[in-house]
Every structure is written in C-alpha cells, then in structure tokens.
PDB file of N, CA and C in Angstrom:
ATOM      1  N   MET A   1      30.086 219.372 104.009  1.00  0.00           N
ATOM      2  CA  MET A   1      31.346 218.706 104.883  1.00  0.00           C
ATOM      3  C   MET A   1      30.855 217.156 104.555  1.00  0.00           C
ATOM      4  N   ASN A   2      32.201 216.686 104.799  1.00  0.00           N
ATOM      5  CA  ASN A   2      32.221 215.138 104.813  1.00  0.00           C
ATOM      6  C   ASN A   2      31.430 214.549 105.792  1.00  0.00           C
ATOM      7  N   HIS A   3      30.727 213.494 105.762  1.00  0.00           N
ATOM      8  CA  HIS A   3      29.855 212.675 106.487  1.00  0.00           C
ATOM      9  C   HIS A   3      30.462 212.386 107.988  1.00  0.00           C
ATOM     10  N   ASN A   4      31.961 211.923 107.632  1.00  0.00           N
ATOM     11  CA  ASN A   4      32.763 211.414 108.909  1.00  0.00           C
ATOM     12  C   ASN A   4      32.732 212.506 109.657  1.00  0.00           C
ATOM     13  N   LEU A   5      33.333 213.580 109.159  1.00  0.00           N
ATOM     14  CA  LEU A   5      33.618 214.804 110.112  1.00  0.00           C
ATOM     15  C   LEU A   5      32.118 215.146 110.667  1.00  0.00           C
ATOM     16  N   LEU A   6      30.938 215.224 110.213  1.00  0.00           N
ATOM     17  CA  LEU A   6      29.852 215.699 110.824  1.00  0.00           C
ATOM     18  C   LEU A   6      29.631 214.581 112.102  1.00  0.00           C
ATOM     19  N   GLU A   7      29.996 213.398 111.766  1.00  0.00           N
ATOM     20  CA  GLU A   7      29.877 212.266 113.033  1.00  0.00           C
ATOM     21  C   GLU A   7      30.820 212.581 113.832  1.00  0.00           C
ATOM     22  N   THR A   8      31.951 212.939 113.547  1.00  0.00           N
ATOM     23  CA  THR A   8      33.064 213.231 114.491  1.00  0.00           C
ATOM     24  C   THR A   8      32.743 214.450 115.293  1.00  0.00           C
ATOM     25  N   LEU A   9      31.979 215.524 114.826  1.00  0.00           N
ATOM     26  CA  LEU A   9      31.725 216.641 115.466  1.00  0.00           C
ATOM     27  C   LEU A   9      30.470 216.471 116.385  1.00  0.00           C
ATOM     28  N   SER A  10      29.409 215.564 115.859  1.00  0.00           N
ATOM     29  CA  SER A  10      28.345 214.965 116.700  1.00  0.00           C
ATOM     30  C   SER A  10      28.750 214.346 117.994  1.00  0.00           C
ATOM     31  N   SER A  11      29.709 213.424 117.637  1.00  0.00           N
ATOM     32  CA  SER A  11      30.067 212.667 118.844  1.00  0.00           C
ATOM     33  C   SER A  11      30.762 213.357 119.737  1.00  0.00           C
ATOM     34  N   LEU A  12      31.244 214.764 119.489  1.00  0.00           N
ATOM     35  CA  LEU A  12      32.166 215.687 120.708  1.00  0.00           C
ATOM     36  C   LEU A  12      31.065 216.501 121.100  1.00  0.00           C
ATOM     37  N   ASP A  13      29.928 216.701 120.673  1.00  0.00           N
ATOM     38  CA  ASP A  13      28.967 217.519 121.335  1.00  0.00           C
ATOM     39  C   ASP A  13      27.783 216.724 121.572  1.00  0.00           C
ATOM     40  N   PRO A  14      27.660 216.013 122.938  1.00  0.00           N
ATOM     41  CA  PRO A  14      26.445 215.653 123.249  1.00  0.00           C
ATOM     42  C   PRO A  14      25.129 216.311 123.174  1.00  0.00           C
ATOM     43  N   ALA A  15      25.259 217.556 123.395  1.00  0.00           N
ATOM     44  CA  ALA A  15      24.109 218.359 123.574  1.00  0.00           C
ATOM     45  C   ALA A  15      23.372 218.561 121.985  1.00  0.00           C
ATOM     46  N   ALA A  16      24.428 218.126 120.970  1.00  0.00           N
ATOM     47  CA  ALA A  16      23.815 218.410 119.443  1.00  0.00           C
ATOM     48  C   ALA A  16      22.603 217.167 119.227  1.00  0.00           C
ATOM     49  N   GLY A  17      22.687 216.198 119.839  1.00  0.00           N
ATOM     50  CA  GLY A  17      21.716 215.132 119.749  1.00  0.00           C
ATOM     51  C   GLY A  17      21.891 214.439 118.366  1.00  0.00           C
ATOM     52  N   GLY A  18      22.754 214.878 117.570  1.00  0.00           N
ATOM     53  CA  GLY A  18      22.755 214.175 116.006  1.00  0.00           C
ATOM     54  C   GLY A  18      22.517 215.137 114.997  1.00  0.00           C
ATOM     55  N   ASP A  19      21.388 215.636 115.241  1.00  0.00           N
ATOM     56  CA  ASP A  19      20.450 216.390 114.187  1.00  0.00           C
ATOM     57  C   ASP A  19      20.825 217.949 114.443  1.00  0.00           C
ATOM     58  N   GLY A  20      21.449 218.333 115.469  1.00  0.00           N
ATOM     59  CA  GLY A  20      21.510 219.729 115.676  1.00  0.00           C
ATOM     60  C   GLY A  20      22.513 220.478 114.949  1.00  0.00           C
ATOM     61  N   LEU A  21      23.375 219.947 114.402  1.00  0.00           N
ATOM     62  CA  LEU A  21      24.485 220.233 113.632  1.00  0.00           C
ATOM     63  C   LEU A  21      24.115 220.572 112.052  1.00  0.00           C
ATOM     64  N   ALA A  22      24.185 221.951 111.821  1.00  0.00           N
ATOM     65  CA  ALA A  22      23.855 222.062 110.157  1.00  0.00           C
ATOM     66  C   ALA A  22      25.527 222.098 109.769  1.00  0.00           C
ATOM     67  N   MET A  23      25.054 222.051 108.212  1.00  0.00           N
ATOM     68  CA  MET A  23      26.422 222.186 107.366  1.00  0.00           C
ATOM     69  C   MET A  23      27.016 223.364 107.756  1.00  0.00           C
ATOM     70  N   LEU A  24      28.473 223.466 108.146  1.00  0.00           N
ATOM     71  CA  LEU A  24      29.167 224.512 108.390  1.00  0.00           C
ATOM     72  C   LEU A  24      29.430 225.346 107.463  1.00  0.00           C
ATOM     73  N   TYR A  25      29.710 224.635 106.152  1.00  0.00           N
ATOM     74  CA  TYR A  25      30.241 225.256 104.840  1.00  0.00           C
ATOM     75  C   TYR A  25      29.513 224.780 103.843  1.00  0.00           C
ATOM     76  N   PRO A  26      29.440 225.513 102.714  1.00  0.00           N
ATOM     77  CA  PRO A  26      28.817 224.762 101.701  1.00  0.00           C
ATOM     78  C   PRO A  26      29.489 223.882 100.990  1.00  0.00           C
ATOM     79  N   HIS A  27      28.681 222.886 100.381  1.00  0.00           N
ATOM     80  CA  HIS A  27      29.577 221.791  99.516  1.00  0.00           C
ATOM     81  C   HIS A  27      30.577 222.365  98.753  1.00  0.00           C
ATOM     82  N   ARG A  28      31.568 221.874  98.750  1.00  0.00           N
ATOM     83  CA  ARG A  28      32.635 221.872  97.616  1.00  0.00           C
ATOM     84  C   ARG A  28      33.392 220.662  97.228  1.00  0.00           C
ATOM     85  N   SER A  29      33.711 220.455  96.042  1.00  0.00           N
ATOM     86  CA  SER A  29      34.324 219.181  95.733  1.00  0.00           C
ATOM     87  C   SER A  29      35.704 219.257  96.038  1.00  0.00           C
ATOM     88  N   GLU A  30      36.474 220.251  95.931  1.00  0.00           N
ATOM     89  CA  GLU A  30      37.944 220.412  95.990  1.00  0.00           C
ATOM     90  C   GLU A  30      38.108 220.799  97.364  1.00  0.00           C
ATOM     91  N   GLY A  31      39.319 220.473  98.058  1.00  0.00           N
ATOM     92  CA  GLY A  31      39.883 221.107  99.147  1.00  0.00           C
ATOM     93  C   GLY A  31      39.881 220.043 100.095  1.00  0.00           C
ATOM     94  N   ALA A  32      40.385 220.385 101.236  1.00  0.00           N
ATOM     95  CA  ALA A  32      40.575 219.604 102.464  1.00  0.00           C
ATOM     96  C   ALA A  32      39.833 220.117 103.689  1.00  0.00           C
ATOM     97  N   GLU A  33      39.583 219.270 104.434  1.00  0.00           N
ATOM     98  CA  GLU A  33      38.665 219.662 105.818  1.00  0.00           C
ATOM     99  C   GLU A  33      38.950 219.183 106.841  1.00  0.00           C
ATOM    100  N   ILE A  34      39.552 219.936 107.925  1.00  0.00           N
ATOM    101  CA  ILE A  34      39.793 219.550 109.006  1.00  0.00           C
ATOM    102  C   ILE A  34      39.531 220.039 110.426  1.00  0.00           C
ATOM    103  N   LEU A  35      39.427 218.973 111.437  1.00  0.00           N
ATOM    104  CA  LEU A  35      38.964 219.491 112.527  1.00  0.00           C
ATOM    105  C   LEU A  35      40.076 219.423 113.511  1.00  0.00           C
ATOM    106  N   LEU A  36      40.161 220.460 114.268  1.00  0.00           N
ATOM    107  CA  LEU A  36      41.057 220.892 115.225  1.00  0.00           C
ATOM    108  C   LEU A  36      40.944 220.685 116.723  1.00  0.00           C
ATOM    109  N   GLY A  37      41.214 220.249 117.735  1.00  0.00           N
ATOM    110  CA  GLY A  37      41.209 220.449 119.119  1.00  0.00           C
ATOM    111  C   GLY A  37      42.150 221.420 119.635  1.00  0.00           C
ATOM    112  N   VAL A  38      41.782 222.490 120.011  1.00  0.00           N
ATOM    113  CA  VAL A  38      42.421 223.565 120.619  1.00  0.00           C
ATOM    114  C   VAL A  38      41.839 224.217 122.011  1.00  0.00           C
ATOM    115  N   ARG A  39      43.036 224.221 122.870  1.00  0.00           N
ATOM    116  CA  ARG A  39      42.673 224.784 124.186  1.00  0.00           C
ATOM    117  C   ARG A  39      42.311 226.060 124.006  1.00  0.00           C
ATOM    118  N   PRO A  40      41.378 226.534 124.627  1.00  0.00           N
ATOM    119  CA  PRO A  40      40.623 227.787 124.582  1.00  0.00           C
ATOM    120  C   PRO A  40      41.512 229.100 124.645  1.00  0.00           C
ATOM    121  N   ASP A  41      42.477 228.780 125.674  1.00  0.00           N
ATOM    122  CA  ASP A  41      43.398 230.131 126.061  1.00  0.00           C
ATOM    123  C   ASP A  41      44.582 230.104 124.691  1.00  0.00           C
ATOM    124  N   GLU A  42      44.479 228.968 123.926  1.00  0.00           N
ATOM    125  CA  GLU A  42      45.900 229.046 122.891  1.00  0.00           C
ATOM    126  C   GLU A  42      45.044 229.189 121.572  1.00  0.00           C
ATOM    127  N   TYR A  43      43.745 229.490 121.481  1.00  0.00           N
ATOM    128  CA  TYR A  43      43.092 229.795 120.069  1.00  0.00           C
ATOM    129  C   TYR A  43      43.621 231.041 119.807  1.00  0.00           C
ATOM    130  N   SER A  44      44.283 230.795 118.282  1.00  0.00           N
ATOM    131  CA  SER A  44      44.432 232.205 117.597  1.00  0.00           C
ATOM    132  C   SER A  44      44.218 231.854 116.043  1.00  0.00           C
ATOM    133  N   ALA A  45      43.249 232.647 115.429  1.00  0.00           N
ATOM    134  CA  ALA A  45      42.811 232.490 114.101  1.00  0.00           C
ATOM    135  C   ALA A  45      44.057 232.600 113.304  1.00  0.00           C
ATOM    136  N   ALA A  46      44.805 233.607 113.656  1.00  0.00           N
ATOM    137  CA  ALA A  46      45.866 234.277 112.913  1.00  0.00           C
ATOM    138  C   ALA A  46      47.113 232.987 112.849  1.00  0.00           C
ATOM    139  N   THR A  47      47.334 232.462 113.794  1.00  0.00           N
ATOM    140  CA  THR A  47      48.318 231.233 114.091  1.00  0.00           C
ATOM    141  C   THR A  47      47.823 230.211 113.283  1.00  0.00           C
ATOM    142  N   ILE A  48      46.579 229.595 113.125  1.00  0.00           N
ATOM    143  CA  ILE A  48      46.035 228.679 112.297  1.00  0.00           C
ATOM    144  C   ILE A  48      46.197 228.997 111.103  1.00  0.00           C
ATOM    145  N   ALA A  49      45.926 230.276 110.481  1.00  0.00           N
ATOM    146  CA  ALA A  49      46.081 230.683 108.952  1.00  0.00           C
ATOM    147  C   ALA A  49      47.470 230.803 108.511  1.00  0.00           C
ATOM    148  N   ARG A  50      48.528 231.148 109.665  1.00  0.00           N
ATOM    149  CA  ARG A  50      49.719 231.166 109.378  1.00  0.00           C
ATOM    150  C   ARG A  50      50.298 229.611 109.172  1.00  0.00           C
ATOM    151  N   ALA A  51      49.584 228.805 110.074  1.00  0.00           N
ATOM    152  CA  ALA A  51      50.183 227.107 109.788  1.00  0.00           C
ATOM    153  C   ALA A  51      49.693 226.651 108.577  1.00  0.00           C
ATOM    154  N   VAL A  52      48.650 227.031 108.126  1.00  0.00           N
ATOM    155  CA  VAL A  52      47.927 226.652 106.727  1.00  0.00           C
ATOM    156  C   VAL A  52      48.831 227.031 105.721  1.00  0.00           C
ATOM    157  N   GLU A  53      49.252 228.324 105.836  1.00  0.00           N
ATOM    158  CA  GLU A  53      49.762 229.102 104.605  1.00  0.00           C
ATOM    159  C   GLU A  53      51.381 228.618 104.867  1.00  0.00           C
ATOM    160  N   ASP A  54      51.933 228.179 105.580  1.00  0.00           N
ATOM    161  CA  ASP A  54      53.238 227.712 105.683  1.00  0.00           C
ATOM    162  C   ASP A  54      53.410 226.505 104.675  1.00  0.00           C
ATOM    163  N   CYS A  55      52.483 225.840 104.335  1.00  0.00           N
ATOM    164  CA  CYS A  55      52.675 224.798 103.495  1.00  0.00           C
ATOM    165  C   CYS A  55      51.865 225.332 102.355  1.00  0.00           C
ATOM    166  N   ASP A  56      52.162 226.507 101.779  1.00  0.00           N
ATOM    167  CA  ASP A  56      51.740 226.740 100.391  1.00  0.00           C
ATOM    168  C   ASP A  56      50.014 226.720 100.128  1.00  0.00           C
ATOM    169  N   SER A  57      49.476 226.540 100.973  1.00  0.00           N
ATOM    170  CA  SER A  57      47.829 226.301 101.110  1.00  0.00           C
ATOM    171  C   SER A  57      47.098 227.663 101.297  1.00  0.00           C
ATOM    172  N   HIS A  58      45.854 227.900 101.114  1.00  0.00           N
ATOM    173  CA  HIS A  58      45.149 229.012 101.926  1.00  0.00           C
ATOM    174  C   HIS A  58      43.967 228.603 102.492  1.00  0.00           C
ATOM    175  N   LEU A  59      43.833 229.198 103.587  1.00  0.00           N
ATOM    176  CA  LEU A  59      42.585 229.032 104.361  1.00  0.00           C
ATOM    177  C   LEU A  59      41.204 229.716 103.867  1.00  0.00           C
ATOM    178  N   VAL A  60      40.368 228.748 103.317  1.00  0.00           N
ATOM    179  CA  VAL A  60      39.260 229.163 102.896  1.00  0.00           C
ATOM    180  C   VAL A  60      37.911 229.466 103.945  1.00  0.00           C
ATOM    181  N   ASN A  61      37.925 228.631 104.891  1.00  0.00           N
ATOM    182  CA  ASN A  61      36.833 228.764 105.829  1.00  0.00           C
ATOM    183  C   ASN A  61      37.484 227.997 107.257  1.00  0.00           C
ATOM    184  N   LEU A  62      37.266 228.980 108.312  1.00  0.00           N
ATOM    185  CA  LEU A  62      37.518 228.896 109.701  1.00  0.00           C
ATOM    186  C   LEU A  62      36.314 229.121 110.668  1.00  0.00           C
ATOM    187  N   SER A  63      35.827 228.103 111.359  1.00  0.00           N
ATOM    188  CA  SER A  63      34.827 228.147 112.427  1.00  0.00           C
ATOM    189  C   SER A  63      35.133 227.636 113.689  1.00  0.00           C
ATOM    190  N   VAL A  64      34.936 228.155 114.668  1.00  0.00           N
ATOM    191  CA  VAL A  64      34.982 227.640 116.055  1.00  0.00           C
ATOM    192  C   VAL A  64      33.532 227.122 116.406  1.00  0.00           C
ATOM    193  N   THR A  65      33.399 225.803 116.689  1.00  0.00           N
ATOM    194  CA  THR A  65      32.149 225.327 116.853  1.00  0.00           C
ATOM    195  C   THR A  65      31.889 225.312 118.403  1.00  0.00           C
ATOM    196  N   SER A  66      30.496 225.066 118.495  1.00  0.00           N
ATOM    197  CA  SER A  66      30.124 224.933 120.079  1.00  0.00           C
ATOM    198  C   SER A  66      30.614 223.569 120.744  1.00  0.00           C
ATOM    199  N   ALA A  67      31.162 222.776 120.065  1.00  0.00           N
ATOM    200  CA  ALA A  67      31.399 221.506 120.495  1.00  0.00           C
ATOM    201  C   ALA A  67      32.727 221.364 121.248  1.00  0.00           C
ATOM    202  N   ARG A  68      32.951 220.648 122.347  1.00  0.00           N
ATOM    203  CA  ARG A  68      34.386 220.291 123.031  1.00  0.00           C
ATOM    204  C   ARG A  68      34.789 219.032 122.978  1.00  0.00           C
ATOM    205  N   THR A  69      35.995 218.760 122.887  1.00  0.00           N
ATOM    206  CA  THR A  69      36.534 217.219 123.039  1.00  0.00           C
ATOM    207  C   THR A  69      36.278 216.973 124.606  1.00  0.00           C
ATOM    208  N   PRO A  70      36.416 215.658 124.749  1.00  0.00           N
ATOM    209  CA  PRO A  70      36.478 215.058 126.145  1.00  0.00           C
ATOM    210  C   PRO A  70      37.252 215.764 127.072  1.00  0.00           C
ATOM    211  N   SER A  71      38.475 216.185 126.430  1.00  0.00           N
ATOM    212  CA  SER A  71      39.462 217.161 127.656  1.00  0.00           C
ATOM    213  C   SER A  71      39.051 218.632 127.642  1.00  0.00           C
ATOM    214  N   GLY A  72      37.893 219.145 127.022  1.00  0.00           N
ATOM    215  CA  GLY A  72      37.480 220.345 127.257  1.00  0.00           C
ATOM    216  C   GLY A  72      38.141 221.567 126.134  1.00  0.00           C
ATOM    217  N   ASN A  73      38.796 221.003 125.238  1.00  0.00           N
ATOM    218  CA  ASN A  73      39.333 221.614 124.224  1.00  0.00           C
ATOM    219  C   ASN A  73      38.145 222.026 123.140  1.00  0.00           C
ATOM    220  N   LEU A  74      38.499 223.365 122.644  1.00  0.00           N
ATOM    221  CA  LEU A  74      37.406 223.666 121.650  1.00  0.00           C
ATOM    222  C   LEU A  74      37.458 222.891 120.247  1.00  0.00           C
ATOM    223  N   VAL A  75      36.753 222.661 119.598  1.00  0.00           N
ATOM    224  CA  VAL A  75      36.637 222.420 118.196  1.00  0.00           C
ATOM    225  C   VAL A  75      36.429 223.044 117.116  1.00  0.00           C
ATOM    226  N   VAL A  76      37.793 223.301 116.305  1.00  0.00           N
ATOM    227  CA  VAL A  76      37.702 224.302 115.219  1.00  0.00           C
ATOM    228  C   VAL A  76      37.584 223.531 113.968  1.00  0.00           C
ATOM    229  N   ALA A  77      36.890 223.994 113.176  1.00  0.00           N
ATOM    230  CA  ALA A  77      36.533 223.649 111.684  1.00  0.00           C
ATOM    231  C   ALA A  77      37.154 224.314 110.739  1.00  0.00           C
ATOM    232  N   LEU A  78      37.884 223.774 109.983  1.00  0.00           N
ATOM    233  CA  LEU A  78      38.711 224.726 108.945  1.00  0.00           C
ATOM    234  C   LEU A  78      38.582 223.966 107.523  1.00  0.00           C
ATOM    235  N   ARG A  79      38.608 224.521 106.415  1.00  0.00           N
ATOM    236  CA  ARG A  79      38.739 224.030 105.018  1.00  0.00           C
ATOM    237  C   ARG A  79      39.885 224.931 104.470  1.00  0.00           C
ATOM    238  N   THR A  80      40.249 224.166 103.584  1.00  0.00           N
ATOM    239  CA  THR A  80      41.627 224.804 102.851  1.00  0.00           C
ATOM    240  C   THR A  80      41.511 224.641 101.362  1.00  0.00           C
ATOM    241  N   ASP A  81      42.517 224.884 100.882  1.00  0.00           N
ATOM    242  CA  ASP A  81      42.130 224.900  99.015  1.00  0.00           C
ATOM    243  C   ASP A  81      43.139 223.621  98.716  1.00  0.00           C
ATOM    244  N   ALA A  82      43.877 223.092  99.524  1.00  0.00           N
ATOM    245  CA  ALA A  82      44.754 221.919  99.389  1.00  0.00           C
ATOM    246  C   ALA A  82      43.958 220.813  99.208  1.00  0.00           C
ATOM    247  N   SER A  83      44.237 219.911  97.918  1.00  0.00           N
ATOM    248  CA  SER A  83      43.532 218.708  97.595  1.00  0.00           C
ATOM    249  C   SER A  83      43.749 217.567  98.628  1.00  0.00           C
ATOM    250  N   SER A  84      45.109 217.538  99.143  1.00  0.00           N
ATOM    251  CA  SER A  84      45.335 216.562 100.342  1.00  0.00           C
ATOM    252  C   SER A  84      45.714 217.223 101.481  1.00  0.00           C
ATOM    253  N   PRO A  85      45.009 216.875 102.526  1.00  0.00           N
ATOM    254  CA  PRO A  85      45.436 217.391 104.036  1.00  0.00           C
ATOM    255  C   PRO A  85      46.560 217.036 104.639  1.00  0.00           C
ATOM    256  N   ASP A  86      47.226 216.293 104.132  1.00  0.00           N
ATOM    257  CA  ASP A  86      48.502 215.694 104.728  1.00  0.00           C
ATOM    258  C   ASP A  86      49.947 217.032 105.261  1.00  0.00           C
ATOM    259  N   SER A  87      49.881 217.738 103.924  1.00  0.00           N
ATOM    260  CA  SER A  87      50.825 218.948 104.584  1.00  0.00           C
ATOM    261  C   SER A  87      50.355 219.855 105.506  1.00  0.00           C
ATOM    262  N   VAL A  88      49.150 220.150 105.577  1.00  0.00           N
ATOM    263  CA  VAL A  88      48.397 220.935 106.338  1.00  0.00           C
ATOM    264  C   VAL A  88      48.282 220.308 107.670  1.00  0.00           C
ATOM    265  N   VAL A  89      48.252 219.218 107.789  1.00  0.00           N
ATOM    266  CA  VAL A  89      48.143 218.290 109.183  1.00  0.00           C
ATOM    267  C   VAL A  89      49.387 218.632 109.808  1.00  0.00           C
ATOM    268  N   ARG A  90      50.577 217.996 109.109  1.00  0.00           N
ATOM    269  CA  ARG A  90      51.853 218.289 109.593  1.00  0.00           C
ATOM    270  C   ARG A  90      52.402 219.608 109.957  1.00  0.00           C
ATOM    271  N   SER A  91      51.974 220.582 109.443  1.00  0.00           N
ATOM    272  CA  SER A  91      52.128 221.982 109.682  1.00  0.00           C
ATOM    273  C   SER A  91      51.445 222.307 110.854  1.00  0.00           C
ATOM    274  N   LEU A  92      50.144 222.073 110.970  1.00  0.00           N
ATOM    275  CA  LEU A  92      49.467 222.180 112.089  1.00  0.00           C
ATOM    276  C   LEU A  92      49.822 221.433 113.574  1.00  0.00           C
ATOM    277  N   GLY A  93      50.494 220.448 113.340  1.00  0.00           N
ATOM    278  CA  GLY A  93      51.297 219.780 114.224  1.00  0.00           C
ATOM    279  C   GLY A  93      52.223 220.403 114.981  1.00  0.00           C
ATOM    280  N   ARG A  94      52.954 220.935 113.851  1.00  0.00           N
ATOM    281  CA  ARG A  94      54.252 221.655 114.098  1.00  0.00           C
ATOM    282  C   ARG A  94      53.987 222.758 115.266  1.00  0.00           C
ATOM    283  N   TYR A  95      52.613 223.380 115.002  1.00  0.00           N
ATOM    284  CA  TYR A  95      52.217 224.538 115.520  1.00  0.00           C
ATOM    285  C   TYR A  95      51.590 224.020 116.988  1.00  0.00           C
ATOM    286  N   GLY A  96      51.554 222.956 117.192  1.00  0.00           N
ATOM    287  CA  GLY A  96      51.051 222.419 118.677  1.00  0.00           C
ATOM    288  C   GLY A  96      49.592 222.082 118.536  1.00  0.00           C
ATOM    289  N   TYR A  97      48.875 222.322 117.338  1.00  0.00           N
ATOM    290  CA  TYR A  97      47.650 221.777 117.183  1.00  0.00           C
ATOM    291  C   TYR A  97      47.230 220.340 117.413  1.00  0.00           C
ATOM    292  N   GLU A  98      46.208 219.975 117.916  1.00  0.00           N
ATOM    293  CA  GLU A  98      45.716 218.505 117.753  1.00  0.00           C
ATOM    294  C   GLU A  98      44.710 218.254 116.531  1.00  0.00           C
ATOM    295  N   VAL A  99      45.259 217.583 115.773  1.00  0.00           N
ATOM    296  CA  VAL A  99      44.157 217.276 114.456  1.00  0.00           C
ATOM    297  C   VAL A  99      43.354 216.278 114.963  1.00  0.00           C
ATOM    298  N   LEU A 100      41.862 216.242 115.058  1.00  0.00           N
ATOM    299  CA  LEU A 100      40.976 215.519 115.197  1.00  0.00           C
ATOM    300  C   LEU A 100      40.629 214.708 114.150  1.00  0.00           C
ATOM    301  N   GLU A 101      40.641 215.023 113.142  1.00  0.00           N
ATOM    302  CA  GLU A 101      40.216 214.516 111.763  1.00  0.00           C
ATOM    303  C   GLU A 101      40.399 215.334 110.507  1.00  0.00           C
ATOM    304  N   ALA A 102      40.908 214.550 109.558  1.00  0.00           N
ATOM    305  CA  ALA A 102      41.116 215.505 108.214  1.00  0.00           C
ATOM    306  C   ALA A 102      41.066 214.657 107.016  1.00  0.00           C
ATOM    307  N   VAL A 103      40.163 215.248 106.150  1.00  0.00           N
ATOM    308  CA  VAL A 103      39.853 214.535 104.920  1.00  0.00           C
ATOM    309  C   VAL A 103      40.104 215.371 103.475  1.00  0.00           C
ATOM    310  N   GLY A 104      40.426 215.223 102.531  1.00  0.00           N
ATOM    311  CA  GLY A 104      40.791 215.684 101.591  1.00  0.00           C
ATOM    312  C   GLY A 104      39.933 215.244 100.341  1.00  0.00           C
ATOM    313  N   SER A 105      39.855 216.145  99.161  1.00  0.00           N
ATOM    314  CA  SER A 105      39.216 215.767  97.848  1.00  0.00           C
ATOM    315  C   SER A 105      40.077 214.828  96.949  1.00  0.00           C
ATOM    316  N   GLY A 106      41.541 215.173  97.058  1.00  0.00           N
ATOM    317  CA  GLY A 106      42.485 214.457  96.460  1.00  0.00           C
ATOM    318  C   GLY A 106      43.070 213.234  97.027  1.00  0.00           C
ATOM    319  N   GLU A 107      43.868 212.283  96.407  1.00  0.00           N
ATOM    320  CA  GLU A 107      44.545 211.356  96.913  1.00  0.00           C
ATOM    321  C   GLU A 107      45.817 211.775  97.444  1.00  0.00           C
ATOM    322  N   SER A 108      46.458 211.169  98.704  1.00  0.00           N
ATOM    323  CA  SER A 108      47.838 211.822  98.979  1.00  0.00           C
ATOM    324  C   SER A 108      48.885 210.821  98.393  1.00  0.00           C
ATOM    325  N   VAL A 109      49.950 211.205  98.418  1.00  0.00           N
ATOM    326  CA  VAL A 109      50.900 210.413  97.739  1.00  0.00           C
ATOM    327  C   VAL A 109      51.484 209.520  98.762  1.00  0.00           C
ATOM    328  N   ASP A 110      51.234 208.166  98.444  1.00  0.00           N
ATOM    329  CA  ASP A 110      51.538 206.991  99.334  1.00  0.00           C
ATOM    330  C   ASP A 110      53.001 206.758  99.471  1.00  0.00           C
ATOM    331  N   GLU A 111      53.292 206.062 100.138  1.00  0.00           N
ATOM    332  CA  GLU A 111      54.728 205.752 100.645  1.00  0.00           C
ATOM    333  C   GLU A 111      55.531 204.908  99.323  1.00  0.00           C
ATOM    334  N   HIS A 112      54.891 204.100  98.738  1.00  0.00           N
ATOM    335  CA  HIS A 112      55.198 203.259  97.359  1.00  0.00           C
ATOM    336  C   HIS A 112      55.533 204.726  96.271  1.00  0.00           C
ATOM    337  N   ASP A 113      54.554 205.460  96.034  1.00  0.00           N
ATOM    338  CA  ASP A 113      54.744 206.121  95.116  1.00  0.00           C
ATOM    339  C   ASP A 113      56.068 207.276  95.432  1.00  0.00           C
ATOM    340  N   ALA A 114      55.900 207.716  96.627  1.00  0.00           N
ATOM    341  CA  ALA A 114      57.091 208.613  97.242  1.00  0.00           C
ATOM    342  C   ALA A 114      58.472 207.939  97.174  1.00  0.00           C
ATOM    343  N   ARG A 115      58.528 206.703  97.351  1.00  0.00           N
ATOM    344  CA  ARG A 115      59.965 206.049  97.111  1.00  0.00           C
ATOM    345  C   ARG A 115      60.180 205.674  95.622  1.00  0.00           C
ATOM    346  N   ALA A 116      59.163 205.413  94.888  1.00  0.00           N
ATOM    347  CA  ALA A 116      59.490 205.447  93.073  1.00  0.00           C
ATOM    348  C   ALA A 116      60.074 206.889  92.653  1.00  0.00           C
ATOM    349  N   ARG A 117      59.264 207.777  93.276  1.00  0.00           N
ATOM    350  CA  ARG A 117      59.679 209.182  92.728  1.00  0.00           C
ATOM    351  C   ARG A 117      61.288 209.459  93.431  1.00  0.00           C
ATOM    352  N   ALA A 118      61.603 209.339  94.544  1.00  0.00           N
ATOM    353  CA  ALA A 118      62.692 209.381  94.902  1.00  0.00           C
ATOM    354  C   ALA A 118      63.749 208.453  94.280  1.00  0.00           C
ATOM    355  N   ALA A 119      63.498 207.285  93.822  1.00  0.00           N
ATOM    356  CA  ALA A 119      64.506 206.548  93.315  1.00  0.00           C
ATOM    357  C   ALA A 119      64.681 207.175  91.805  1.00  0.00           C
ATOM    358  N   GLU A 120      63.737 207.547  91.195  1.00  0.00           N
ATOM    359  CA  GLU A 120      63.856 208.188  89.681  1.00  0.00           C
ATOM    360  C   GLU A 120      64.483 209.472  89.941  1.00  0.00           C
ATOM    361  N   LEU A 121      64.421 210.462  90.998  1.00  0.00           N
ATOM    362  CA  LEU A 121      65.189 211.381  91.149  1.00  0.00           C
ATOM    363  C   LEU A 121      66.729 211.008  91.356  1.00  0.00           C
ATOM    364  N   LEU A 122      66.991 210.235  92.115  1.00  0.00           N
ATOM    365  CA  LEU A 122      68.391 209.612  92.513  1.00  0.00           C
ATOM    366  C   LEU A 122      69.059 209.151  91.101  1.00  0.00           C
ATOM    367  N   TYR A 123      68.310 208.545  90.439  1.00  0.00           N
ATOM    368  CA  TYR A 123      68.779 207.915  88.887  1.00  0.00           C
ATOM    369  C   TYR A 123      68.990 209.153  88.139  1.00  0.00           C
ATOM    370  N   LEU A 124      68.236 210.288  88.045  1.00  0.00           N
ATOM    371  CA  LEU A 124      68.477 211.435  87.199  1.00  0.00           C
ATOM    372  C   LEU A 124      69.831 212.259  87.911  1.00  0.00           C
ATOM    373  N   LEU A 125      70.043 212.309  89.038  1.00  0.00           N
ATOM    374  CA  LEU A 125      71.078 212.926  89.721  1.00  0.00           C
ATOM    375  C   LEU A 125      72.208 212.259  89.418  1.00  0.00           C
ATOM    376  N   ASP A 126      72.298 210.834  89.251  1.00  0.00           N
ATOM    377  CA  ASP A 126      73.097 209.666  89.090  1.00  0.00           C
ATOM    378  C   ASP A 126      73.978 209.744  90.449  1.00  0.00           C
ATOM    379  N   ILE A 127      73.208 209.544  91.485  1.00  0.00           N
ATOM    380  CA  ILE A 127      74.073 209.382  92.694  1.00  0.00           C
ATOM    381  C   ILE A 127      74.052 207.952  93.205  1.00  0.00           C
TER     382      ILE A 127
END
C-alpha cells in the first residue's frame, strides 16, 4: 500500500500508534488504492463493488479497517484494477461515499490532454 495511504490510515486511528498497522494488501505495481469514509449503517460491500464496476473496473481487495474518521465513519480500504483512480472516485462519489484518499499506479489524463483530445475529435468530426 502506498505510504501516504498508511499515514492517512494511521492518523485516523490514534490507537494504532503509527506502527500498529500492518500492510492490508500485498504490494502490487498496478492498480488504484482508495480509502473511503463510510457511515456504519450505510456500509455495503455489494454497493461499493457496484460503484467500482460501474466504471468498467474490478474490485481486487476490500477491507474494513478498525480506524474511524473524526466524524465516526468507518474507514474502508479498497484496491481496483484501474490504473487511475479518477473514474472510480467519481463513481463512488455518485453513490454517496466520501473518498478520503486515492492513489493510482498510472497517470490520469490532465485537463490539457483532455482538451487536446477533444479538439482532435472535433476536427475529425468536422464540427
């Protein structure tokens, strides 16, 4: 798991003391790792999996941690096969989940590249 994710998880759980958290998943060079804040009464693994699969990605790992957010929400750690977490984060947001942190192995398409691609498409369509 990414070092920043572990730091975030440690900061959310003061009882962990910094070294109490072991690796949740074996290291993988590809995929996106996401931390969610979920109200305990709204937690549903099936709904989280559906949100991930709505953007043509697969849920690889899902763990409910012992950590809580300052507002008392559960901290859920998940890993997907998407190289960039952007589409998964948007999908989870549409389902009402609070994304605490997200990192991916690949680079996301930035705004400049997106505009350039749209301009090329409009040129090809001759609009």
